[in-house]
Structures are given as structure tokens and as C-alpha cells.
Amino acid sequence: MNDQLPVKRTKKRKLQKVATFISYVAILIAIACAAFLLMVDAEEKVMRASLGATSFFFFMVGLVLHTIGNSDLPDLTIKK
């Protein structure tokens, strides 16, 4: 049952580190938009819908980029 090879983690590449950093920035923007959404009057429905969509968008971008940054991607470089 234990005849499988152990998982070998690869080193994170530059673009994965950039994706992780941008994911944190996107999450912070989503939190800021959600906080600003709470301060907008209830009568301004267009503004509330816009801020809700913006916060949802940035949250999802942060989630996807965080997943890309933390995944273990194989090394696909061609060796000479």
C-alpha cells in the first residue's frame, strides 16, 4: 500500500509569487469595497449593486490567484 513515491515539492516560481502577492491585494480591495458598501445609503441602489459586484469580483480574483500561487506546478522547461 505504501509503494508510491513520496510527493516532491517544487520551488515556487516568480510568477507564482507575483500571483500570491496580487491575490492579497485583491482580497484587501474586496474588503475595502465591502466596507464602503456598508456606508452607502440604502436609497442608492445602483451604487450598492456596483460595489457589491466589485467586491465579489475582487474576492474571486484573489481566490483564484491564491490557488495558482500555492499550487505545485511541474517544471516544464526543456533541458539541453
Protein backbone atom coordinates (compact mmCIF):
# COMPACT_ATOMS: atom_id res chain seq x y z
CA MET A 1 0.00 0.00 0.00
CA ASN A 2 2.93 2.31 0.60
CA ASP A 3 4.72 1.61 -2.71
CA GLN A 4 4.07 5.08 -4.16
CA LEU A 5 6.82 7.63 -4.48
CA PRO A 6 6.80 10.50 -1.99
CA VAL A 7 5.50 13.82 -3.20
CA LYS A 8 8.33 16.12 -4.19
CA ARG A 9 7.53 19.80 -3.82
CA THR A 10 8.98 22.18 -6.39
CA LYS A 11 10.29 25.64 -5.74
CA LYS A 12 7.85 28.50 -6.32
CA ARG A 13 8.49 30.50 -9.46
CA LYS A 14 8.45 34.27 -9.83
CA LEU A 15 5.01 34.39 -11.42
CA GLN A 16 3.56 32.26 -8.63
CA LYS A 17 4.99 34.67 -6.07
CA VAL A 18 3.55 37.61 -8.03
CA ALA A 19 0.16 35.85 -8.21
CA THR A 20 0.19 35.31 -4.45
CA PHE A 21 1.03 38.96 -3.79
CA ILE A 22 -1.67 40.20 -6.17
CA SER A 23 -4.17 37.85 -4.53
CA TYR A 24 -3.57 39.52 -1.16
CA VAL A 25 -4.00 42.95 -2.76
CA ALA A 26 -7.24 41.83 -4.44
CA ILE A 27 -8.62 40.50 -1.14
CA LEU A 28 -7.80 43.82 0.54
CA ILE A 29 -9.59 45.71 -2.25
CA ALA A 30 -12.60 43.41 -1.85
CA ILE A 31 -12.69 44.10 1.90
CA ALA A 32 -12.41 47.85 1.28
CA CYS A 33 -15.27 47.76 -1.25
CA ALA A 34 -17.42 45.74 1.16
CA ALA A 35 -16.69 48.21 3.96
CA PHE A 36 -17.58 51.12 1.69
CA LEU A 37 -20.73 49.25 0.68
CA LEU A 38 -21.88 49.31 4.29
CA MET A 39 -21.52 53.10 4.39
CA VAL A 40 -23.62 53.80 1.27
CA ASP A 41 -27.24 54.82 1.78
CA ALA A 42 -29.93 52.24 1.05
CA GLU A 43 -31.58 54.56 -1.50
CA GLU A 44 -28.58 54.44 -3.84
CA LYS A 45 -29.32 51.03 -5.31
CA VAL A 46 -27.09 51.41 -8.36
CA MET A 47 -24.09 52.31 -6.23
CA ARG A 48 -24.74 49.43 -3.83
CA ALA A 49 -25.07 46.94 -6.71
CA SER A 50 -21.89 48.25 -8.28
CA LEU A 51 -19.91 47.99 -5.04
CA GLY A 52 -21.30 44.53 -4.34
CA ALA A 53 -20.29 43.31 -7.79
CA THR A 54 -16.85 44.90 -7.44
CA SER A 55 -16.20 43.31 -4.06
CA PHE A 56 -17.37 39.91 -5.36
CA PHE A 57 -15.13 40.23 -8.43
CA PHE A 58 -12.02 41.13 -6.45
CA PHE A 59 -12.69 38.38 -3.91
CA MET A 60 -12.94 35.77 -6.68
CA VAL A 61 -9.80 37.11 -8.40
CA GLY A 62 -7.96 36.87 -5.09
CA LEU A 63 -9.20 33.33 -4.53
CA VAL A 64 -8.13 32.13 -7.98
CA LEU A 65 -4.73 33.84 -7.86
CA HIS A 66 -4.08 32.49 -4.36
CA THR A 67 -4.82 28.98 -5.61
CA ILE A 68 -2.46 29.45 -8.57
CA GLY A 69 0.25 30.83 -6.32
CA ASN A 70 0.04 27.95 -3.84
CA SER A 71 -0.25 25.09 -6.33
CA ASP A 72 2.65 22.79 -7.04
CA LEU A 73 3.31 23.22 -10.75
CA PRO A 74 5.71 20.86 -12.54
CA ASP A 75 8.88 22.14 -14.17
CA LEU A 76 8.19 22.15 -17.93
CA THR A 77 11.46 23.70 -19.06
CA ILE A 78 13.33 21.93 -21.84
CA LYS A 79 16.71 20.68 -20.71
CA LYS A 80 19.55 20.92 -23.23
